[in-house]
Amino acid sequence: MINLSGKFRYFLCTDNVTLRFRHRGLREYIKGKLHRDPCNGDVYIFLSRDLSRLRVYYFHHNGEILTEKILHAHRFTHPVFLDEGKHVYHISWSSFVYLLEGIIRKEKDEYFDEYEDEKIDGEELQESV
């Protein structure tokens, strides 16, 4: 059962990643391009170019989970960050829920605040390169 909550760390990937990637392709993208460990339990969110699909990838209890939401009549919110030079942004649980549920017109962009990195279980979060 999929059980996402505020206990996870959420990362929104803003690169145009082909959604033909499945588990292995996304895992290699996370390792190679984002320089992150895809098996540490973080949740990675990918949007299609036309904003009609949202794909969520994470590793949980010794297995990979990949799920997708497809909109047929609307589009997901296009997140805009003030610092657009990064490939991935750490977002809050509430921003993830808003992105998943907050459907607005395709022409309108929505500004998101990047979640402030903080210590989790005594570990400092690292910036991706």
N, C-alpha and C. Protein backbone atom coordinates (compact mmCIF):
# COMPACT_ATOMS: atom_id res chain seq x y z
N MET A 1 0.84 -1.17 0.00
CA MET A 1 0.00 0.00 0.00
C MET A 1 0.89 1.24 0.00
N ILE A 2 0.50 2.22 -0.76
CA ILE A 2 1.25 3.48 -0.82
C ILE A 2 0.83 4.33 0.37
N ASN A 3 1.81 4.76 1.14
CA ASN A 3 1.52 5.52 2.34
C ASN A 3 2.49 6.69 2.44
N LEU A 4 2.25 7.75 1.68
CA LEU A 4 3.10 8.93 1.73
C LEU A 4 2.59 9.88 2.81
N SER A 5 3.52 10.51 3.50
CA SER A 5 3.16 11.43 4.58
C SER A 5 4.22 12.51 4.70
N GLY A 6 4.08 13.35 5.68
CA GLY A 6 5.03 14.41 5.93
C GLY A 6 6.36 13.93 6.46
N LYS A 7 6.49 12.64 6.74
CA LYS A 7 7.75 12.09 7.25
C LYS A 7 8.79 11.89 6.15
N PHE A 8 8.36 11.90 4.90
CA PHE A 8 9.27 11.73 3.77
C PHE A 8 9.83 13.09 3.35
N ARG A 9 10.94 13.04 2.61
CA ARG A 9 11.47 14.24 1.97
C ARG A 9 11.06 14.18 0.50
N TYR A 10 10.56 15.29 -0.04
CA TYR A 10 10.02 15.33 -1.40
C TYR A 10 10.91 16.19 -2.28
N PHE A 11 11.24 15.65 -3.45
CA PHE A 11 12.08 16.37 -4.39
C PHE A 11 11.38 16.44 -5.74
N LEU A 12 11.17 17.66 -6.22
CA LEU A 12 10.54 17.89 -7.51
C LEU A 12 11.63 18.07 -8.55
N CYS A 13 11.65 17.21 -9.55
CA CYS A 13 12.64 17.26 -10.62
C CYS A 13 12.08 18.12 -11.75
N THR A 14 12.83 19.14 -12.13
CA THR A 14 12.32 20.10 -13.12
C THR A 14 12.87 19.87 -14.52
N ASP A 15 13.81 18.95 -14.68
CA ASP A 15 14.31 18.63 -16.02
C ASP A 15 13.24 17.91 -16.81
N ASN A 16 13.32 18.01 -18.13
CA ASN A 16 12.43 17.24 -18.98
C ASN A 16 12.95 15.80 -19.04
N VAL A 17 12.41 14.98 -18.17
CA VAL A 17 12.79 13.57 -18.09
C VAL A 17 11.74 12.79 -18.86
N THR A 18 12.19 11.94 -19.77
CA THR A 18 11.23 11.16 -20.53
C THR A 18 10.46 10.23 -19.61
N LEU A 19 9.17 10.23 -19.74
CA LEU A 19 8.37 9.35 -18.89
C LEU A 19 8.31 7.93 -19.46
N ARG A 20 9.12 7.68 -20.48
CA ARG A 20 9.30 6.29 -20.90
C ARG A 20 10.17 5.56 -19.90
N PHE A 21 10.92 6.32 -19.07
CA PHE A 21 11.70 5.70 -18.00
C PHE A 21 10.75 5.05 -17.01
N ARG A 22 11.09 3.86 -16.61
CA ARG A 22 10.36 3.18 -15.55
C ARG A 22 11.30 3.13 -14.33
N HIS A 23 11.23 2.10 -13.55
CA HIS A 23 12.00 2.00 -12.32
C HIS A 23 13.50 2.18 -12.55
N ARG A 24 14.06 1.38 -13.41
CA ARG A 24 15.52 1.41 -13.62
C ARG A 24 15.97 2.74 -14.22
N GLY A 25 15.23 3.25 -15.20
CA GLY A 25 15.60 4.50 -15.85
C GLY A 25 15.56 5.68 -14.89
N LEU A 26 14.53 5.74 -14.06
CA LEU A 26 14.44 6.83 -13.08
C LEU A 26 15.49 6.68 -11.99
N ARG A 27 15.74 5.45 -11.57
CA ARG A 27 16.79 5.21 -10.57
C ARG A 27 18.14 5.68 -11.09
N GLU A 28 18.47 5.36 -12.34
CA GLU A 28 19.74 5.79 -12.93
C GLU A 28 19.78 7.31 -13.13
N TYR A 29 18.65 7.92 -13.48
CA TYR A 29 18.58 9.37 -13.61
C TYR A 29 18.86 10.04 -12.26
N ILE A 30 18.26 9.53 -11.20
CA ILE A 30 18.44 10.10 -9.87
C ILE A 30 19.91 9.97 -9.44
N LYS A 31 20.51 8.83 -9.69
CA LYS A 31 21.93 8.62 -9.35
C LYS A 31 22.85 9.48 -10.20
N GLY A 32 22.67 9.40 -11.51
CA GLY A 32 23.62 10.02 -12.44
C GLY A 32 23.46 11.53 -12.59
N LYS A 33 22.26 12.01 -12.73
CA LYS A 33 22.04 13.43 -13.00
C LYS A 33 21.87 14.24 -11.72
N LEU A 34 21.14 13.68 -10.75
CA LEU A 34 20.88 14.43 -9.51
C LEU A 34 21.91 14.15 -8.43
N HIS A 35 22.73 13.13 -8.62
CA HIS A 35 23.77 12.76 -7.65
C HIS A 35 23.17 12.51 -6.27
N ARG A 36 22.09 11.75 -6.25
CA ARG A 36 21.42 11.39 -5.01
C ARG A 36 21.25 9.88 -4.95
N ASP A 37 21.00 9.38 -3.76
CA ASP A 37 20.78 7.95 -3.56
C ASP A 37 19.29 7.66 -3.69
N PRO A 38 18.86 6.97 -4.74
CA PRO A 38 17.44 6.71 -4.93
C PRO A 38 16.87 5.69 -3.95
N CYS A 39 17.73 5.03 -3.17
CA CYS A 39 17.29 3.97 -2.26
C CYS A 39 17.20 4.42 -0.81
N ASN A 40 17.28 5.74 -0.56
CA ASN A 40 17.28 6.21 0.82
C ASN A 40 15.89 6.59 1.33
N GLY A 41 14.86 6.39 0.52
CA GLY A 41 13.50 6.66 0.97
C GLY A 41 12.95 8.02 0.57
N ASP A 42 13.76 8.87 -0.08
CA ASP A 42 13.25 10.15 -0.55
C ASP A 42 12.26 9.93 -1.70
N VAL A 43 11.32 10.84 -1.84
CA VAL A 43 10.29 10.77 -2.87
C VAL A 43 10.65 11.74 -3.98
N TYR A 44 10.67 11.25 -5.22
CA TYR A 44 11.01 12.06 -6.38
C TYR A 44 9.77 12.21 -7.27
N ILE A 45 9.49 13.46 -7.66
CA ILE A 45 8.30 13.78 -8.44
C ILE A 45 8.75 14.28 -9.80
N PHE A 46 8.12 13.73 -10.84
CA PHE A 46 8.42 14.10 -12.22
C PHE A 46 7.12 14.51 -12.91
N LEU A 47 7.18 15.57 -13.71
CA LEU A 47 6.03 16.02 -14.49
C LEU A 47 6.32 15.83 -15.97
N SER A 48 5.28 15.49 -16.73
CA SER A 48 5.45 15.40 -18.18
C SER A 48 5.55 16.80 -18.77
N ARG A 49 6.04 16.89 -19.99
CA ARG A 49 6.20 18.20 -20.65
C ARG A 49 4.89 18.95 -20.77
N ASP A 50 3.81 18.23 -21.07
CA ASP A 50 2.51 18.89 -21.24
C ASP A 50 1.74 19.02 -19.92
N LEU A 51 2.37 18.64 -18.81
CA LEU A 51 1.81 18.76 -17.46
C LEU A 51 0.54 17.94 -17.26
N SER A 52 0.33 16.91 -18.05
CA SER A 52 -0.85 16.06 -17.88
C SER A 52 -0.56 14.82 -17.04
N ARG A 53 0.72 14.52 -16.80
CA ARG A 53 1.11 13.35 -16.01
C ARG A 53 2.05 13.76 -14.90
N LEU A 54 1.86 13.13 -13.76
CA LEU A 54 2.75 13.31 -12.62
C LEU A 54 3.16 11.92 -12.18
N ARG A 55 4.46 11.68 -12.12
CA ARG A 55 4.98 10.37 -11.73
C ARG A 55 5.75 10.52 -10.42
N VAL A 56 5.52 9.59 -9.51
CA VAL A 56 6.16 9.59 -8.19
C VAL A 56 6.97 8.31 -8.05
N TYR A 57 8.25 8.47 -7.69
CA TYR A 57 9.16 7.33 -7.51
C TYR A 57 9.76 7.41 -6.11
N TYR A 58 9.76 6.27 -5.42
CA TYR A 58 10.50 6.20 -4.16
C TYR A 58 10.77 4.75 -3.80
N PHE A 59 11.72 4.57 -2.90
CA PHE A 59 12.15 3.27 -2.44
C PHE A 59 11.63 3.10 -1.02
N HIS A 60 10.91 2.00 -0.79
CA HIS A 60 10.28 1.81 0.52
C HIS A 60 10.24 0.33 0.86
N HIS A 61 10.71 -0.03 2.03
CA HIS A 61 10.70 -1.43 2.50
C HIS A 61 11.30 -2.38 1.48
N ASN A 62 12.52 -2.11 1.08
CA ASN A 62 13.29 -2.97 0.18
C ASN A 62 12.69 -3.12 -1.21
N GLY A 63 11.91 -2.14 -1.65
CA GLY A 63 11.36 -2.21 -2.99
C GLY A 63 11.09 -0.83 -3.55
N GLU A 64 11.08 -0.75 -4.88
CA GLU A 64 10.82 0.51 -5.56
C GLU A 64 9.33 0.66 -5.82
N ILE A 65 8.83 1.87 -5.63
CA ILE A 65 7.43 2.18 -5.91
C ILE A 65 7.40 3.27 -6.97
N LEU A 66 6.64 3.04 -7.99
CA LEU A 66 6.45 4.00 -9.07
C LEU A 66 4.97 4.10 -9.34
N THR A 67 4.43 5.29 -9.16
CA THR A 67 3.01 5.49 -9.39
C THR A 67 2.82 6.75 -10.23
N GLU A 68 1.68 6.83 -10.88
CA GLU A 68 1.46 7.92 -11.82
C GLU A 68 0.00 8.37 -11.75
N LYS A 69 -0.18 9.67 -11.89
CA LYS A 69 -1.52 10.24 -12.00
C LYS A 69 -1.60 10.91 -13.36
N ILE A 70 -2.64 10.59 -14.12
CA ILE A 70 -2.83 11.14 -15.45
C ILE A 70 -4.12 11.96 -15.46
N LEU A 71 -4.02 13.21 -15.89
CA LEU A 71 -5.20 14.06 -16.02
C LEU A 71 -5.63 14.06 -17.48
N HIS A 72 -6.91 13.92 -17.72
CA HIS A 72 -7.40 13.88 -19.09
C HIS A 72 -7.97 15.21 -19.56
N ALA A 73 -8.53 16.00 -18.66
CA ALA A 73 -9.17 17.25 -19.07
C ALA A 73 -8.45 18.49 -18.56
N HIS A 74 -7.56 18.35 -17.63
CA HIS A 74 -6.88 19.49 -17.02
C HIS A 74 -5.37 19.27 -17.05
N ARG A 75 -4.64 20.17 -16.43
CA ARG A 75 -3.19 20.08 -16.32
C ARG A 75 -2.78 20.34 -14.88
N PHE A 76 -1.63 19.78 -14.50
CA PHE A 76 -1.08 20.06 -13.18
C PHE A 76 -0.54 21.48 -13.15
N THR A 77 -0.40 22.01 -11.96
CA THR A 77 0.20 23.32 -11.75
C THR A 77 1.64 23.30 -12.24
N HIS A 78 2.03 24.35 -12.95
CA HIS A 78 3.43 24.46 -13.37
C HIS A 78 4.19 25.18 -12.27
N PRO A 79 5.00 24.46 -11.50
CA PRO A 79 5.73 25.10 -10.41
C PRO A 79 6.86 25.98 -10.94
N VAL A 80 6.99 27.15 -10.36
CA VAL A 80 8.05 28.08 -10.72
C VAL A 80 8.81 28.41 -9.44
N PHE A 81 10.13 28.33 -9.51
CA PHE A 81 10.97 28.64 -8.36
C PHE A 81 11.78 29.89 -8.68
N LEU A 82 12.12 30.63 -7.65
CA LEU A 82 12.90 31.85 -7.86
C LEU A 82 14.29 31.54 -8.39
N ASP A 83 14.89 30.46 -7.91
CA ASP A 83 16.20 30.03 -8.39
C ASP A 83 15.98 28.88 -9.37
N GLU A 84 15.94 29.18 -10.66
CA GLU A 84 15.62 28.17 -11.65
C GLU A 84 16.83 27.46 -12.24
N GLY A 85 17.98 27.58 -11.61
CA GLY A 85 19.18 26.96 -12.14
C GLY A 85 19.42 25.53 -11.67
N LYS A 86 18.55 25.00 -10.85
CA LYS A 86 18.76 23.67 -10.28
C LYS A 86 17.94 22.63 -11.04
N HIS A 87 18.32 21.37 -10.87
CA HIS A 87 17.60 20.27 -11.51
C HIS A 87 16.54 19.68 -10.61
N VAL A 88 16.69 19.90 -9.31
CA VAL A 88 15.78 19.30 -8.34
C VAL A 88 15.58 20.27 -7.18
N TYR A 89 14.36 20.29 -6.65
CA TYR A 89 14.02 21.18 -5.54
C TYR A 89 13.40 20.37 -4.43
N HIS A 90 13.85 20.64 -3.21
CA HIS A 90 13.26 20.02 -2.03
C HIS A 90 12.00 20.78 -1.69
N ILE A 91 10.85 20.12 -1.77
CA ILE A 91 9.58 20.79 -1.48
C ILE A 91 8.95 20.16 -0.25
N SER A 92 8.04 20.88 0.35
CA SER A 92 7.37 20.40 1.57
C SER A 92 6.26 19.41 1.22
N TRP A 93 5.80 18.71 2.22
CA TRP A 93 4.67 17.79 2.07
C TRP A 93 3.44 18.54 1.57
N SER A 94 3.18 19.70 2.13
CA SER A 94 2.00 20.47 1.71
C SER A 94 2.12 20.91 0.25
N SER A 95 3.33 21.27 -0.20
CA SER A 95 3.52 21.63 -1.61
C SER A 95 3.30 20.42 -2.51
N PHE A 96 3.72 19.25 -2.06
CA PHE A 96 3.48 18.02 -2.82
C PHE A 96 1.97 17.77 -2.95
N VAL A 97 1.26 17.88 -1.85
CA VAL A 97 -0.19 17.66 -1.89
C VAL A 97 -0.86 18.69 -2.78
N TYR A 98 -0.43 19.94 -2.68
CA TYR A 98 -1.00 20.98 -3.54
C TYR A 98 -0.73 20.68 -5.01
N LEU A 99 0.47 20.26 -5.31
CA LEU A 99 0.82 19.92 -6.69
C LEU A 99 -0.04 18.77 -7.19
N LEU A 100 -0.23 17.76 -6.35
CA LEU A 100 -1.00 16.59 -6.74
C LEU A 100 -2.48 16.90 -6.90
N GLU A 101 -3.01 17.74 -6.03
CA GLU A 101 -4.45 18.00 -6.03
C GLU A 101 -4.85 19.36 -6.60
N GLY A 102 -3.92 20.32 -6.65
CA GLY A 102 -4.25 21.69 -7.03
C GLY A 102 -4.24 21.92 -8.53
N ILE A 103 -5.29 21.58 -9.19
CA ILE A 103 -5.36 21.73 -10.65
C ILE A 103 -5.82 23.14 -10.97
N ILE A 104 -5.03 23.83 -11.81
CA ILE A 104 -5.40 25.17 -12.26
C ILE A 104 -5.20 25.25 -13.77
N ARG A 105 -5.54 26.38 -14.36
CA ARG A 105 -5.38 26.54 -15.80
C ARG A 105 -3.94 26.32 -16.23
N LYS A 106 -3.75 25.78 -17.41
CA LYS A 106 -2.41 25.49 -17.92
C LYS A 106 -1.59 26.76 -18.11
N GLU A 107 -2.25 27.87 -18.47
CA GLU A 107 -1.53 29.11 -18.76
C GLU A 107 -0.98 29.79 -17.51
N LYS A 108 -1.46 29.41 -16.36
CA LYS A 108 -1.06 30.08 -15.12
C LYS A 108 0.05 29.31 -14.43
N ASP A 109 1.13 30.00 -14.08
CA ASP A 109 2.22 29.40 -13.33
C ASP A 109 1.99 29.64 -11.85
N GLU A 110 2.47 28.76 -11.04
CA GLU A 110 2.33 28.87 -9.60
C GLU A 110 3.72 28.91 -8.98
N TYR A 111 4.00 29.94 -8.19
CA TYR A 111 5.29 30.05 -7.53
C TYR A 111 5.31 29.16 -6.30
N PHE A 112 6.35 28.36 -6.21
CA PHE A 112 6.55 27.47 -5.07
C PHE A 112 7.75 27.97 -4.29
N ASP A 113 7.71 27.81 -3.00
CA ASP A 113 8.87 28.10 -2.17
C ASP A 113 9.62 26.80 -1.99
N GLU A 114 10.93 26.86 -2.18
CA GLU A 114 11.72 25.67 -1.94
C GLU A 114 11.75 25.44 -0.44
N TYR A 115 11.55 24.21 -0.04
CA TYR A 115 11.53 23.83 1.36
C TYR A 115 12.91 24.05 1.94
N GLU A 116 12.96 24.69 3.08
CA GLU A 116 14.25 24.95 3.71
C GLU A 116 14.87 23.65 4.17
N ASP A 117 16.09 23.40 3.73
CA ASP A 117 16.80 22.20 4.16
C ASP A 117 17.05 22.30 5.65
N GLU A 118 16.87 21.19 6.30
CA GLU A 118 17.07 21.16 7.74
C GLU A 118 17.69 19.83 8.11
N LYS A 119 18.10 19.70 9.34
CA LYS A 119 18.67 18.45 9.79
C LYS A 119 17.52 17.46 10.03
N ILE A 120 17.71 16.26 9.51
CA ILE A 120 16.75 15.19 9.73
C ILE A 120 17.51 14.04 10.34
N ASP A 121 17.08 13.64 11.52
CA ASP A 121 17.75 12.57 12.26
C ASP A 121 19.24 12.83 12.40
N GLY A 122 19.61 14.09 12.63
CA GLY A 122 21.00 14.44 12.87
C GLY A 122 21.85 14.55 11.63
N GLU A 123 21.26 14.36 10.44
CA GLU A 123 22.03 14.46 9.20
C GLU A 123 21.68 15.74 8.48
N GLU A 124 22.68 16.39 7.97
CA GLU A 124 22.48 17.60 7.16
C GLU A 124 22.13 17.20 5.74
N LEU A 125 21.11 17.79 5.17
CA LEU A 125 20.76 17.51 3.79
C LEU A 125 21.81 18.10 2.88
N GLN A 126 22.12 17.42 1.79
CA GLN A 126 23.12 17.91 0.87
C GLN A 126 22.47 18.49 -0.35
N GLU A 127 23.07 19.56 -0.86
CA GLU A 127 22.64 20.16 -2.12
C GLU A 127 23.04 19.27 -3.26
N SER A 128 22.18 19.16 -4.28
CA SER A 128 22.60 18.41 -5.46
C SER A 128 23.48 19.31 -6.33
N VAL A 129 24.33 18.68 -7.10
CA VAL A 129 25.26 19.41 -7.94
C VAL A 129 24.70 19.47 -9.34
